[in-house]
Amino acid sequence: MCDLGVSIEGTAVERRINDLNRELAARGIIFRAHFWIADEWFTPDDVPGVAVPFYLVHPRLAQLELAQMLEVEGGSKDWCLRILRHEVGHAIDNAYRLQRRRRRQKLFGLSSTQYPEYYTPRPYSKSFVLHLDSWYAQSHPDEDFAETFAVWLNPRSDWPRRYADWPALKKLEYVDLVMREIAGTDPVVTTRRTVDSLPSLRKTLRQHYQEKRRRFGLDYPNFYDRDLRRLFSDAPEHAGNLTAARFLTRVRRDVRRRVARWTGEYQYRIDQVLNDMIERCDAIQLHLANPEDSSKLDFMVLLTVQTMNYLHGGRHRIAL
């Protein structure tokens, strides 16, 4: 990875960073994070800067990310800006040492709280803002702060009205108060240190994606047979119809994309569930019993319900 020889300059990421800086300037904030290329999005502890993933700075690398992970995190203008606002929330937290303030600790929790390997979201909670997918604010106190900052910074969020009856409004009002306080002031931490920058990464792209796919996989148990038998058929009169496995393989890309959008789940995780279902359809020799259009719609409902059952039932864990 250290041999890729890419940079942020002249890319869409640079344009999005400029957009972000204009949003900060409109709020009177003079702090500007520094950016470098790494293997993923992240902001290190005590560093007022942001690592940008390598795949966003070259179209061929973005194509590789898409092929390996089925989506490009931050690949669109809106998505990239949402992530940048979040990461700069971490950076400004570090730059002004906001995590040391007692009010901040009381509202969001302690930054010293250990990051979990997984977290179980509560989708109906109104104590957290909604910004990035998978209810990310619920994963850790620092993520809660960064997500709240991102909502506050977004000039189109209309957060006072959107969160008017939510407990999360207190957090937004606190961020608004603190940002007004630090507007026009220089940051306390000014280091330009980088962490795990691309030139220091000696692993290959193959190794990187093997690790990433393993991390984002999901161990859904194989208990889909009853639902699949309701949707498809193993009756002799349907044996001449298209097999369910072949049908799902044909529609999986569109189904995966739609269900990911509805549920906020990663497409890669949903694809693992699809793999399991296709294998089960093949193993128990199911066929279509209804027209393809209605079968596709019914299957999307099934897949969405199955995904949301995990999210709402507390059995679903999201990897950090």
Protein backbone atom coordinates (compact mmCIF):
# COMPACT_ATOMS: atom_id res chain seq x y z
CA MET A 1 0.00 0.00 0.00
CA CYS A 2 2.94 2.34 0.59
CA ASP A 3 3.71 2.11 -3.14
CA LEU A 4 0.38 3.49 -4.36
CA GLY A 5 1.75 7.01 -4.74
CA VAL A 6 -1.57 8.88 -4.43
CA SER A 7 -2.41 12.24 -2.85
CA ILE A 8 -5.43 14.29 -1.81
CA GLU A 9 -4.55 17.27 -3.98
CA GLY A 10 -6.78 17.76 -7.00
CA THR A 11 -9.32 15.12 -5.95
CA ALA A 12 -13.00 15.25 -5.05
CA VAL A 13 -11.96 14.73 -1.42
CA GLU A 14 -10.04 17.99 -1.51
CA ARG A 15 -13.13 19.76 -2.83
CA ARG A 16 -15.24 18.27 -0.04
CA ILE A 17 -12.65 19.39 2.54
CA ASN A 18 -12.92 22.91 1.13
CA ASP A 19 -16.72 22.69 1.43
CA LEU A 20 -16.32 21.62 5.04
CA ASN A 21 -13.95 24.48 5.82
CA ARG A 22 -16.48 26.94 4.41
CA GLU A 23 -19.08 25.53 6.80
CA LEU A 24 -16.68 26.03 9.71
CA ALA A 25 -15.89 29.58 8.56
CA ALA A 26 -19.61 30.39 8.40
CA ARG A 27 -19.78 29.47 12.10
CA GLY A 28 -16.79 31.66 12.96
CA ILE A 29 -14.57 28.66 13.79
CA ILE A 30 -10.96 29.28 12.75
CA PHE A 31 -9.73 25.75 13.52
CA ARG A 32 -8.78 23.70 10.46
CA ALA A 33 -7.98 20.02 10.70
CA HIS A 34 -5.08 18.53 8.74
CA PHE A 35 -5.68 15.52 6.52
CA TRP A 36 -3.63 12.57 5.33
CA ILE A 37 -4.25 9.32 3.46
CA ALA A 38 -4.53 6.04 5.36
CA ASP A 39 -6.35 2.73 4.92
CA GLU A 40 -9.64 3.87 6.53
CA TRP A 41 -11.45 6.90 7.91
CA PHE A 42 -10.34 7.74 11.46
CA THR A 43 -9.20 10.49 13.83
CA PRO A 44 -6.50 9.42 16.33
CA ASP A 45 -6.71 10.31 20.01
CA ASP A 46 -5.16 13.70 20.84
CA VAL A 47 -4.63 14.55 17.15
CA PRO A 48 -6.59 17.43 15.57
CA GLY A 49 -6.48 15.79 12.15
CA VAL A 50 -8.28 13.24 10.00
CA ALA A 51 -7.17 10.19 8.03
CA VAL A 52 -8.89 9.73 4.66
CA PRO A 53 -9.14 6.28 3.03
CA PHE A 54 -6.92 5.67 0.02
CA TYR A 55 -9.75 4.47 -2.20
CA LEU A 56 -11.30 7.95 -2.34
CA VAL A 57 -8.33 9.58 -4.05
CA HIS A 58 -8.17 7.51 -7.25
CA PRO A 59 -11.01 6.13 -9.41
CA ARG A 60 -9.37 2.72 -9.91
CA LEU A 61 -8.96 2.30 -6.16
CA ALA A 62 -12.62 3.27 -5.70
CA GLN A 63 -13.55 0.55 -8.22
CA LEU A 64 -11.51 -1.94 -6.21
CA GLU A 65 -13.25 -0.94 -2.98
CA LEU A 66 -16.62 -1.35 -4.68
CA ALA A 67 -15.71 -4.79 -5.98
CA GLN A 68 -14.44 -5.96 -2.59
CA MET A 69 -16.93 -4.30 -0.21
CA LEU A 70 -19.92 -3.69 -2.53
CA GLU A 71 -19.96 0.05 -1.74
CA VAL A 72 -17.54 2.96 -1.42
CA GLU A 73 -17.90 4.58 2.00
CA GLY A 74 -17.87 8.34 1.39
CA GLY A 75 -17.98 7.88 -2.38
CA SER A 76 -20.69 10.47 -3.05
CA LYS A 77 -20.53 14.19 -2.27
CA ASP A 78 -23.20 14.03 0.44
CA TRP A 79 -21.80 10.87 2.04
CA CYS A 80 -18.25 12.24 2.05
CA LEU A 81 -19.36 15.48 3.68
CA ARG A 82 -21.31 13.62 6.34
CA ILE A 83 -18.24 11.59 7.28
CA LEU A 84 -15.98 14.64 7.17
CA ARG A 85 -18.27 16.55 9.53
CA HIS A 86 -18.19 13.60 11.91
CA GLU A 87 -14.41 13.20 11.81
CA VAL A 88 -13.81 16.93 12.23
CA GLY A 89 -16.06 16.66 15.29
CA HIS A 90 -13.42 14.35 16.75
CA ALA A 91 -10.62 16.64 15.58
CA ILE A 92 -12.12 19.76 17.14
CA ASP A 93 -12.79 17.76 20.32
CA ASN A 94 -9.05 17.01 20.42
CA ALA A 95 -7.94 20.49 19.32
CA TYR A 96 -9.72 22.26 22.19
CA ARG A 97 -9.60 19.34 24.68
CA LEU A 98 -13.35 19.52 25.04
CA GLN A 99 -13.54 15.97 26.39
CA ARG A 100 -12.02 17.26 29.66
CA ARG A 101 -15.00 19.53 30.38
CA ARG A 102 -17.32 18.25 33.09
CA ARG A 103 -20.51 19.28 31.34
CA ARG A 104 -19.36 17.47 28.22
CA GLN A 105 -18.60 14.36 30.29
CA LYS A 106 -21.99 14.51 31.99
CA LEU A 107 -23.92 14.79 28.73
CA PHE A 108 -21.93 12.41 26.55
CA GLY A 109 -19.94 10.22 28.94
CA LEU A 110 -16.21 9.75 29.48
CA SER A 111 -13.79 9.58 26.57
CA SER A 112 -11.80 7.07 28.61
CA THR A 113 -14.63 4.56 28.21
CA GLN A 114 -13.19 1.54 26.43
CA TYR A 115 -14.31 1.14 22.84
CA PRO A 116 -16.26 -2.10 22.42
CA GLU A 117 -15.42 -4.55 19.67
CA TYR A 118 -19.15 -4.57 18.90
CA TYR A 119 -22.13 -2.52 19.99
CA THR A 120 -25.86 -3.21 20.03
CA PRO A 121 -27.89 -0.17 18.92
CA ARG A 122 -31.29 0.87 20.22
CA PRO A 123 -32.96 2.16 17.04
CA TYR A 124 -35.84 3.91 18.80
CA SER A 125 -33.73 5.88 21.28
CA LYS A 126 -34.17 9.66 21.12
CA SER A 127 -31.18 10.33 23.34
CA PHE A 128 -28.87 10.29 20.32
CA VAL A 129 -28.86 12.21 17.04
CA LEU A 130 -29.14 10.42 13.72
CA HIS A 131 -26.36 11.19 11.27
CA LEU A 132 -24.24 8.27 10.05
CA ASP A 133 -25.83 4.88 9.50
CA SER A 134 -26.19 2.11 12.09
CA TRP A 135 -27.07 4.54 14.91
CA TYR A 136 -23.37 5.24 15.23
CA ALA A 137 -23.76 7.83 18.00
CA GLN A 138 -24.66 4.98 20.35
CA SER A 139 -21.33 3.17 19.96
CA HIS A 140 -19.19 5.33 22.30
CA PRO A 141 -19.29 8.73 24.11
CA ASP A 142 -16.79 10.23 21.66
CA GLU A 143 -18.83 9.03 18.69
CA ASP A 144 -21.90 10.55 20.29
CA PHE A 145 -20.12 13.90 20.50
CA ALA A 146 -18.81 13.71 16.93
CA GLU A 147 -22.24 12.79 15.57
CA THR A 148 -23.87 15.63 17.52
CA PHE A 149 -21.28 18.09 16.21
CA ALA A 150 -21.87 16.88 12.65
CA VAL A 151 -25.62 17.48 12.93
CA TRP A 152 -24.97 20.92 14.45
CA LEU A 153 -22.52 21.88 11.67
CA ASN A 154 -24.69 20.77 8.75
CA PRO A 155 -26.27 23.99 7.45
CA ARG A 156 -29.34 22.06 6.26
CA SER A 157 -30.03 20.01 9.39
CA ASP A 158 -32.51 22.44 11.05
CA TRP A 159 -31.67 20.66 14.30
CA PRO A 160 -33.70 22.89 16.70
CA ARG A 161 -36.92 21.80 14.96
CA ARG A 162 -35.84 18.27 13.99
CA TYR A 163 -34.90 17.33 17.58
CA ALA A 164 -37.34 19.59 19.42
CA ASP A 165 -38.89 16.82 21.52
CA TRP A 166 -35.78 14.61 21.83
CA PRO A 167 -33.48 14.35 24.89
CA ALA A 168 -30.66 14.65 22.32
CA LEU A 169 -31.57 18.34 21.97
CA LYS A 170 -29.67 19.09 25.20
CA LYS A 171 -26.52 17.74 23.58
CA LEU A 172 -27.03 19.86 20.48
CA GLU A 173 -27.63 22.97 22.57
CA TYR A 174 -24.44 22.25 24.50
CA VAL A 175 -22.43 21.88 21.29
CA ASP A 176 -23.95 25.13 20.03
CA LEU A 177 -22.92 26.90 23.24
CA VAL A 178 -19.35 25.54 23.20
CA MET A 179 -18.82 26.30 19.51
CA ARG A 180 -19.94 29.87 20.03
CA GLU A 181 -17.46 30.08 22.91
CA ILE A 182 -14.46 28.82 20.91
CA ALA A 183 -15.37 30.72 17.72
CA GLY A 184 -12.49 32.97 16.76
CA THR A 185 -10.06 31.34 19.21
CA ASP A 186 -6.97 29.33 18.35
CA PRO A 187 -6.87 25.61 19.21
CA VAL A 188 -4.93 24.43 22.24
CA VAL A 189 -3.48 21.37 20.48
CA THR A 190 -1.71 22.25 17.22
CA THR A 191 0.31 19.13 16.39
CA ARG A 192 0.30 18.05 12.71
CA ARG A 193 1.12 14.47 13.60
CA THR A 194 -0.20 11.71 11.37
CA VAL A 195 -0.92 8.10 12.31
CA ASP A 196 -0.71 5.04 10.04
CA SER A 197 -0.32 7.17 6.94
CA LEU A 198 -0.29 5.38 3.60
CA PRO A 199 3.51 5.61 3.08
CA SER A 200 4.00 3.66 6.34
CA LEU A 201 1.66 0.78 5.44
CA ARG A 202 3.56 -2.30 4.31
CA LYS A 203 0.62 -4.68 3.87
CA THR A 204 -0.66 -5.54 0.41
CA LEU A 205 -4.07 -4.64 -0.92
CA ARG A 206 -4.95 -8.35 -0.82
CA GLN A 207 -4.10 -8.52 2.89
CA HIS A 208 -6.01 -5.31 3.56
CA TYR A 209 -9.21 -6.58 1.99
CA GLN A 210 -8.96 -10.02 3.53
CA GLU A 211 -8.84 -8.37 6.96
CA LYS A 212 -11.58 -5.87 6.15
CA ARG A 213 -14.00 -8.45 4.74
CA ARG A 214 -13.44 -10.64 7.79
CA ARG A 215 -14.10 -7.70 10.13
CA PHE A 216 -17.32 -6.68 8.42
CA GLY A 217 -18.72 -10.16 8.06
CA LEU A 218 -21.71 -11.10 10.14
CA ASP A 219 -22.48 -14.41 11.82
CA TYR A 220 -26.19 -14.73 11.08
CA PRO A 221 -27.34 -18.22 12.07
CA ASN A 222 -28.87 -20.51 9.45
CA PHE A 223 -32.53 -20.63 10.41
CA TYR A 224 -34.16 -19.24 7.28
CA ASP A 225 -35.80 -22.46 6.06
CA ARG A 226 -39.31 -21.79 7.39
CA ASP A 227 -39.50 -18.28 5.90
CA LEU A 228 -37.99 -19.39 2.62
CA ARG A 229 -40.48 -22.24 2.30
CA ARG A 230 -43.32 -19.76 2.78
CA LEU A 231 -41.97 -17.57 0.00
CA PHE A 232 -40.82 -20.26 -2.44
CA SER A 233 -41.92 -23.85 -3.04
CA ASP A 234 -40.57 -27.40 -3.08
CA ALA A 235 -43.89 -28.82 -4.32
CA PRO A 236 -43.69 -31.07 -7.42
CA GLU A 237 -46.01 -28.82 -9.43
CA HIS A 238 -43.44 -25.99 -9.23
CA ALA A 239 -40.40 -28.13 -10.03
CA GLY A 240 -40.26 -26.82 -13.60
CA ASN A 241 -40.13 -23.17 -12.50
CA LEU A 242 -37.00 -21.09 -12.06
CA THR A 243 -35.04 -22.16 -8.98
CA ALA A 244 -35.16 -19.77 -6.04
CA ALA A 245 -31.35 -19.84 -5.79
CA ARG A 246 -30.93 -18.74 -9.39
CA PHE A 247 -33.62 -16.09 -9.03
CA LEU A 248 -32.04 -14.59 -5.90
CA THR A 249 -28.63 -14.60 -7.56
CA ARG A 250 -30.12 -12.63 -10.44
CA VAL A 251 -31.76 -9.96 -8.24
CA ARG A 252 -29.29 -9.86 -5.35
CA ARG A 253 -27.54 -6.64 -6.35
CA ASP A 254 -30.72 -4.54 -6.47
CA VAL A 255 -32.18 -6.24 -3.39
CA ARG A 256 -28.98 -5.73 -1.40
CA ARG A 257 -28.81 -2.04 -2.31
CA ARG A 258 -32.45 -1.34 -1.44
CA VAL A 259 -32.41 -3.20 1.88
CA ALA A 260 -29.16 -1.48 2.86
CA ARG A 261 -30.79 1.88 2.22
CA TRP A 262 -33.90 0.98 4.21
CA THR A 263 -32.09 -0.50 7.21
CA GLY A 264 -28.88 1.55 7.32
CA GLU A 265 -26.85 -1.68 7.25
CA TYR A 266 -23.66 -2.24 5.29
CA GLN A 267 -24.27 -3.90 1.94
CA TYR A 268 -21.46 -6.37 2.66
CA ARG A 269 -23.23 -7.65 5.77
CA ILE A 270 -26.54 -7.99 3.99
CA ASP A 271 -24.77 -9.85 1.21
CA GLN A 272 -23.62 -12.44 3.74
CA VAL A 273 -27.25 -13.07 4.68
CA LEU A 274 -28.14 -13.32 1.00
CA ASN A 275 -25.38 -15.89 0.54
CA ASP A 276 -26.82 -18.00 3.34
CA MET A 277 -30.32 -17.77 1.94
CA ILE A 278 -29.23 -18.68 -1.58
CA GLU A 279 -27.33 -21.67 -0.26
CA ARG A 280 -30.37 -22.83 1.72
CA CYS A 281 -32.68 -22.39 -1.29
CA ASP A 282 -30.31 -24.53 -3.31
CA ALA A 283 -29.93 -27.16 -0.57
CA ILE A 284 -33.66 -27.68 -0.03
CA GLN A 285 -34.41 -27.29 -3.77
CA LEU A 286 -36.88 -24.42 -3.72
CA HIS A 287 -38.50 -22.94 -6.84
CA LEU A 288 -40.57 -19.86 -7.62
CA ALA A 289 -44.27 -20.33 -7.01
CA ASN A 290 -45.34 -16.77 -7.93
CA PRO A 291 -44.44 -14.19 -10.61
CA GLU A 292 -40.91 -12.81 -10.41
CA ASP A 293 -41.95 -9.22 -9.60
CA SER A 294 -44.07 -10.19 -6.61
CA SER A 295 -41.49 -12.75 -5.47
CA LYS A 296 -38.79 -10.08 -5.52
CA LEU A 297 -40.89 -7.66 -3.49
CA ASP A 298 -41.84 -10.35 -0.98
CA PHE A 299 -38.21 -11.37 -0.61
CA MET A 300 -37.09 -7.78 0.00
CA VAL A 301 -39.66 -7.54 2.78
CA LEU A 302 -38.39 -10.81 4.25
CA LEU A 303 -34.76 -9.70 4.14
CA THR A 304 -35.59 -6.31 5.64
CA VAL A 305 -37.60 -7.86 8.47
CA GLN A 306 -34.83 -10.37 9.15
CA THR A 307 -32.25 -7.59 9.34
CA MET A 308 -34.40 -5.36 11.55
CA ASN A 309 -35.23 -8.25 13.87
CA TYR A 310 -31.54 -8.45 14.70
CA LEU A 311 -31.17 -4.70 15.09
CA HIS A 312 -34.20 -4.34 17.36
CA GLY A 313 -33.90 -7.61 19.21
CA GLY A 314 -30.49 -6.96 20.73
CA ARG A 315 -28.96 -9.99 19.03
CA HIS A 316 -27.40 -7.93 16.30
CA ARG A 317 -23.94 -6.56 16.94
CA ILE A 318 -22.23 -3.96 14.78
CA ALA A 319 -18.45 -4.09 14.45
CA LEU A 320 -16.43 -0.99 15.21
